[in-house]
Amino acid sequence: MKNMNQLMKQAQQMQAKITTLQKELEDREIETSSGGGMVKVKVNGKQELLEIKINKECVDPNDVEMLEELVKTAINQGVKESQDMVSQAMSKVTGGLSIPGLF
């Protein structure tokens, strides 16, 4: 029974650390770009797009597809890097233990 109480205490401590870390990650931002910096995006730790900047030099009404591709690439890279940031931070707290639903 003593081991079970110790295990429960450790689980509660880990849960508190995870909750604190999740709040901290919401405030962290990742900035990525595509097209040599023509399109820049900021994404937070919740994988929310916070900001997008498009250099007017890449706005060509005759080549909308290129601009769409640059935007898509920048956003996808930002989301991926944000997910990686969250996974790495959570892994430090959980000791590499994968807990479904956390990240």
N, C-alpha and C. Protein backbone atom coordinates (compact mmCIF):
# COMPACT_ATOMS: atom_id res chain seq x y z
N MET A 1 0.83 -1.20 0.00
CA MET A 1 0.00 0.00 0.00
C MET A 1 0.87 1.26 0.00
N LYS A 2 2.01 1.16 0.69
CA LYS A 2 2.92 2.31 0.75
C LYS A 2 3.43 2.67 -0.65
N ASN A 3 3.74 1.65 -1.44
CA ASN A 3 4.21 1.89 -2.81
C ASN A 3 3.13 2.55 -3.66
N MET A 4 1.89 2.17 -3.44
CA MET A 4 0.77 2.74 -4.20
C MET A 4 0.61 4.21 -3.84
N ASN A 5 0.72 4.54 -2.57
CA ASN A 5 0.63 5.94 -2.15
C ASN A 5 1.76 6.77 -2.75
N GLN A 6 2.95 6.21 -2.77
CA GLN A 6 4.10 6.90 -3.36
C GLN A 6 3.89 7.11 -4.85
N LEU A 7 3.35 6.09 -5.51
CA LEU A 7 3.08 6.19 -6.94
C LEU A 7 2.03 7.27 -7.23
N MET A 8 0.99 7.32 -6.42
CA MET A 8 -0.05 8.33 -6.58
C MET A 8 0.52 9.74 -6.37
N LYS A 9 1.38 9.88 -5.39
CA LYS A 9 2.00 11.18 -5.11
C LYS A 9 2.86 11.62 -6.30
N GLN A 10 3.63 10.70 -6.86
CA GLN A 10 4.46 11.01 -8.01
C GLN A 10 3.60 11.38 -9.22
N ALA A 11 2.50 10.68 -9.41
CA ALA A 11 1.59 10.99 -10.52
C ALA A 11 0.99 12.38 -10.36
N GLN A 12 0.63 12.75 -9.16
CA GLN A 12 0.07 14.08 -8.90
C GLN A 12 1.11 15.17 -9.16
N GLN A 13 2.35 14.91 -8.75
CA GLN A 13 3.42 15.87 -8.99
C GLN A 13 3.67 16.04 -10.49
N MET A 14 3.67 14.92 -11.22
CA MET A 14 3.87 14.98 -12.66
C MET A 14 2.72 15.75 -13.31
N GLN A 15 1.51 15.50 -12.87
CA GLN A 15 0.35 16.19 -13.43
C GLN A 15 0.46 17.69 -13.20
N ALA A 16 0.90 18.10 -12.03
CA ALA A 16 1.06 19.53 -11.74
C ALA A 16 2.13 20.14 -12.65
N LYS A 17 3.23 19.43 -12.84
CA LYS A 17 4.29 19.93 -13.72
C LYS A 17 3.80 20.04 -15.16
N ILE A 18 3.03 19.06 -15.61
CA ILE A 18 2.51 19.07 -16.97
C ILE A 18 1.56 20.24 -17.17
N THR A 19 0.68 20.48 -16.20
CA THR A 19 -0.26 21.60 -16.29
C THR A 19 0.47 22.92 -16.37
N THR A 20 1.49 23.10 -15.55
CA THR A 20 2.30 24.32 -15.57
C THR A 20 3.00 24.47 -16.92
N LEU A 21 3.57 23.40 -17.41
CA LEU A 21 4.28 23.44 -18.69
C LEU A 21 3.33 23.74 -19.84
N GLN A 22 2.14 23.18 -19.82
CA GLN A 22 1.18 23.46 -20.89
C GLN A 22 0.84 24.94 -20.94
N LYS A 23 0.70 25.57 -19.79
CA LYS A 23 0.41 27.01 -19.75
C LYS A 23 1.59 27.81 -20.28
N GLU A 24 2.81 27.39 -19.92
CA GLU A 24 4.01 28.07 -20.41
C GLU A 24 4.13 27.93 -21.93
N LEU A 25 3.82 26.75 -22.45
CA LEU A 25 3.95 26.49 -23.88
C LEU A 25 2.98 27.33 -24.70
N GLU A 26 1.84 27.67 -24.13
CA GLU A 26 0.88 28.51 -24.84
C GLU A 26 1.50 29.87 -25.18
N ASP A 27 2.42 30.33 -24.34
CA ASP A 27 3.04 31.64 -24.55
C ASP A 27 4.29 31.58 -25.42
N ARG A 28 4.82 30.40 -25.65
CA ARG A 28 6.01 30.28 -26.50
C ARG A 28 5.61 30.41 -27.96
N GLU A 29 6.49 31.04 -28.73
CA GLU A 29 6.20 31.26 -30.14
C GLU A 29 7.33 30.74 -31.01
N ILE A 30 6.94 30.22 -32.16
CA ILE A 30 7.88 29.75 -33.18
C ILE A 30 7.67 30.64 -34.39
N GLU A 31 8.76 31.13 -34.97
CA GLU A 31 8.66 31.90 -36.20
C GLU A 31 9.36 31.13 -37.30
N THR A 32 8.66 30.93 -38.41
CA THR A 32 9.24 30.24 -39.57
C THR A 32 8.96 31.07 -40.81
N SER A 33 9.64 30.70 -41.89
CA SER A 33 9.42 31.42 -43.15
C SER A 33 9.59 30.47 -44.32
N SER A 34 9.16 30.93 -45.46
CA SER A 34 9.36 30.19 -46.70
C SER A 34 9.68 31.19 -47.80
N GLY A 35 10.19 30.67 -48.89
CA GLY A 35 10.53 31.54 -50.02
C GLY A 35 11.63 32.52 -49.69
N GLY A 36 12.59 32.08 -48.88
CA GLY A 36 13.69 32.97 -48.51
C GLY A 36 13.24 34.15 -47.67
N GLY A 37 12.22 33.94 -46.87
CA GLY A 37 11.73 35.00 -45.99
C GLY A 37 10.60 35.82 -46.59
N MET A 38 10.12 35.43 -47.76
CA MET A 38 9.03 36.18 -48.39
C MET A 38 7.72 36.04 -47.62
N VAL A 39 7.52 34.88 -46.99
CA VAL A 39 6.34 34.65 -46.15
C VAL A 39 6.84 34.20 -44.79
N LYS A 40 6.42 34.92 -43.74
CA LYS A 40 6.81 34.59 -42.37
C LYS A 40 5.56 34.37 -41.54
N VAL A 41 5.64 33.37 -40.65
CA VAL A 41 4.51 33.10 -39.76
C VAL A 41 5.01 32.90 -38.34
N LYS A 42 4.12 33.18 -37.38
CA LYS A 42 4.36 32.89 -35.98
C LYS A 42 3.26 31.95 -35.51
N VAL A 43 3.68 30.90 -34.80
CA VAL A 43 2.77 29.89 -34.28
C VAL A 43 3.10 29.71 -32.80
N ASN A 44 2.06 29.55 -31.96
CA ASN A 44 2.35 29.34 -30.54
C ASN A 44 2.35 27.86 -30.20
N GLY A 45 2.55 27.57 -28.91
CA GLY A 45 2.62 26.19 -28.44
C GLY A 45 1.31 25.44 -28.50
N LYS A 46 0.23 26.13 -28.83
CA LYS A 46 -1.07 25.48 -29.01
C LYS A 46 -1.34 25.24 -30.49
N GLN A 47 -0.33 25.44 -31.32
CA GLN A 47 -0.40 25.31 -32.77
C GLN A 47 -1.42 26.27 -33.37
N GLU A 48 -1.53 27.46 -32.79
CA GLU A 48 -2.38 28.50 -33.33
C GLU A 48 -1.54 29.46 -34.15
N LEU A 49 -2.02 29.82 -35.32
CA LEU A 49 -1.34 30.80 -36.16
C LEU A 49 -1.58 32.18 -35.55
N LEU A 50 -0.50 32.84 -35.13
CA LEU A 50 -0.61 34.14 -34.47
C LEU A 50 -0.43 35.30 -35.43
N GLU A 51 0.44 35.11 -36.41
CA GLU A 51 0.78 36.21 -37.29
C GLU A 51 1.27 35.66 -38.62
N ILE A 52 0.96 36.40 -39.67
CA ILE A 52 1.48 36.05 -40.99
C ILE A 52 1.90 37.35 -41.67
N LYS A 53 3.10 37.35 -42.22
CA LYS A 53 3.64 38.51 -42.95
C LYS A 53 3.98 38.05 -44.36
N ILE A 54 3.48 38.79 -45.34
CA ILE A 54 3.75 38.47 -46.74
C ILE A 54 4.44 39.66 -47.38
N ASN A 55 5.65 39.43 -47.88
CA ASN A 55 6.39 40.47 -48.58
C ASN A 55 5.67 40.79 -49.88
N LYS A 56 5.42 42.06 -50.13
CA LYS A 56 4.64 42.42 -51.31
C LYS A 56 5.32 42.05 -52.63
N GLU A 57 6.62 41.78 -52.59
CA GLU A 57 7.32 41.37 -53.82
C GLU A 57 6.84 40.01 -54.31
N CYS A 58 6.28 39.20 -53.42
CA CYS A 58 5.85 37.87 -53.86
C CYS A 58 4.35 37.83 -54.18
N VAL A 59 3.70 38.99 -54.17
CA VAL A 59 2.28 39.05 -54.53
C VAL A 59 2.20 39.37 -56.02
N ASP A 60 1.94 38.33 -56.78
CA ASP A 60 1.83 38.45 -58.24
C ASP A 60 0.46 37.91 -58.64
N PRO A 61 -0.44 38.78 -59.10
CA PRO A 61 -1.78 38.31 -59.46
C PRO A 61 -1.77 37.25 -60.55
N ASN A 62 -0.68 37.16 -61.29
CA ASN A 62 -0.59 36.16 -62.35
C ASN A 62 -0.03 34.83 -61.86
N ASP A 63 0.40 34.79 -60.58
CA ASP A 63 0.97 33.56 -60.03
C ASP A 63 0.50 33.37 -58.59
N VAL A 64 -0.80 33.30 -58.41
CA VAL A 64 -1.39 33.12 -57.09
C VAL A 64 -0.97 31.78 -56.49
N GLU A 65 -0.80 30.77 -57.33
CA GLU A 65 -0.43 29.45 -56.85
C GLU A 65 0.89 29.47 -56.09
N MET A 66 1.86 30.26 -56.55
CA MET A 66 3.14 30.34 -55.85
C MET A 66 2.95 30.91 -54.46
N LEU A 67 2.18 31.98 -54.35
CA LEU A 67 1.93 32.60 -53.05
C LEU A 67 1.20 31.62 -52.13
N GLU A 68 0.22 30.92 -52.65
CA GLU A 68 -0.49 29.93 -51.86
C GLU A 68 0.45 28.85 -51.33
N GLU A 69 1.36 28.40 -52.17
CA GLU A 69 2.33 27.37 -51.78
C GLU A 69 3.28 27.90 -50.70
N LEU A 70 3.75 29.14 -50.86
CA LEU A 70 4.63 29.73 -49.85
C LEU A 70 3.93 29.86 -48.50
N VAL A 71 2.68 30.29 -48.51
CA VAL A 71 1.91 30.43 -47.27
C VAL A 71 1.71 29.06 -46.63
N LYS A 72 1.29 28.09 -47.41
CA LYS A 72 1.07 26.73 -46.90
C LYS A 72 2.35 26.15 -46.30
N THR A 73 3.46 26.31 -47.00
CA THR A 73 4.74 25.79 -46.53
C THR A 73 5.14 26.43 -45.21
N ALA A 74 5.02 27.75 -45.12
CA ALA A 74 5.41 28.45 -43.90
C ALA A 74 4.54 28.02 -42.72
N ILE A 75 3.24 27.92 -42.94
CA ILE A 75 2.33 27.52 -41.86
C ILE A 75 2.61 26.09 -41.42
N ASN A 76 2.74 25.18 -42.37
CA ASN A 76 3.01 23.78 -42.02
C ASN A 76 4.31 23.64 -41.25
N GLN A 77 5.34 24.38 -41.65
CA GLN A 77 6.62 24.32 -40.94
C GLN A 77 6.47 24.88 -39.53
N GLY A 78 5.74 25.97 -39.39
CA GLY A 78 5.52 26.56 -38.07
C GLY A 78 4.78 25.62 -37.14
N VAL A 79 3.74 24.97 -37.65
CA VAL A 79 2.98 24.02 -36.84
C VAL A 79 3.85 22.84 -36.45
N LYS A 80 4.63 22.31 -37.39
CA LYS A 80 5.51 21.17 -37.10
C LYS A 80 6.53 21.53 -36.02
N GLU A 81 7.16 22.69 -36.16
CA GLU A 81 8.15 23.10 -35.16
C GLU A 81 7.50 23.33 -33.81
N SER A 82 6.29 23.86 -33.79
CA SER A 82 5.56 24.05 -32.53
C SER A 82 5.26 22.69 -31.88
N GLN A 83 4.83 21.72 -32.68
CA GLN A 83 4.56 20.39 -32.16
C GLN A 83 5.83 19.74 -31.62
N ASP A 84 6.94 19.91 -32.32
CA ASP A 84 8.22 19.38 -31.86
C ASP A 84 8.63 20.02 -30.54
N MET A 85 8.43 21.34 -30.43
CA MET A 85 8.76 22.06 -29.20
C MET A 85 7.96 21.50 -28.03
N VAL A 86 6.67 21.30 -28.24
CA VAL A 86 5.80 20.77 -27.19
C VAL A 86 6.21 19.35 -26.81
N SER A 87 6.47 18.51 -27.81
CA SER A 87 6.87 17.13 -27.54
C SER A 87 8.16 17.06 -26.74
N GLN A 88 9.14 17.87 -27.11
CA GLN A 88 10.42 17.88 -26.40
C GLN A 88 10.24 18.35 -24.96
N ALA A 89 9.45 19.41 -24.77
CA ALA A 89 9.24 19.93 -23.43
C ALA A 89 8.48 18.92 -22.56
N MET A 90 7.48 18.29 -23.11
CA MET A 90 6.70 17.30 -22.36
C MET A 90 7.54 16.07 -22.04
N SER A 91 8.40 15.69 -22.97
CA SER A 91 9.25 14.53 -22.76
C SER A 91 10.18 14.74 -21.56
N LYS A 92 10.61 15.97 -21.36
CA LYS A 92 11.47 16.27 -20.20
C LYS A 92 10.71 16.08 -18.90
N VAL A 93 9.43 16.43 -18.89
CA VAL A 93 8.62 16.31 -17.68
C VAL A 93 8.22 14.86 -17.43
N THR A 94 7.87 14.14 -18.50
CA THR A 94 7.37 12.78 -18.34
C THR A 94 8.48 11.73 -18.40
N GLY A 95 9.70 12.17 -18.62
CA GLY A 95 10.81 11.23 -18.71
C GLY A 95 10.72 10.33 -19.93
N GLY A 96 10.10 10.81 -20.98
CA GLY A 96 9.97 10.04 -22.21
C GLY A 96 8.76 9.15 -22.23
N LEU A 97 8.01 9.09 -21.14
CA LEU A 97 6.80 8.29 -21.07
C LEU A 97 5.71 8.93 -21.91
N SER A 98 5.17 8.18 -22.84
CA SER A 98 4.12 8.71 -23.71
C SER A 98 2.78 8.59 -23.01
N ILE A 99 2.15 9.74 -22.77
CA ILE A 99 0.85 9.76 -22.10
C ILE A 99 -0.18 10.22 -23.12
N PRO A 100 -1.09 9.34 -23.52
CA PRO A 100 -2.07 9.69 -24.55
C PRO A 100 -2.88 10.92 -24.16
N GLY A 101 -3.10 11.80 -25.14
CA GLY A 101 -3.92 12.98 -24.93
C GLY A 101 -3.17 14.20 -24.45
N LEU A 102 -1.90 14.06 -24.12
CA LEU A 102 -1.13 15.22 -23.63
C LEU A 102 -0.51 15.98 -24.78
N PHE A 103 0.04 15.27 -25.74
CA PHE A 103 0.71 15.93 -26.87
C PHE A 103 0.78 14.98 -28.02
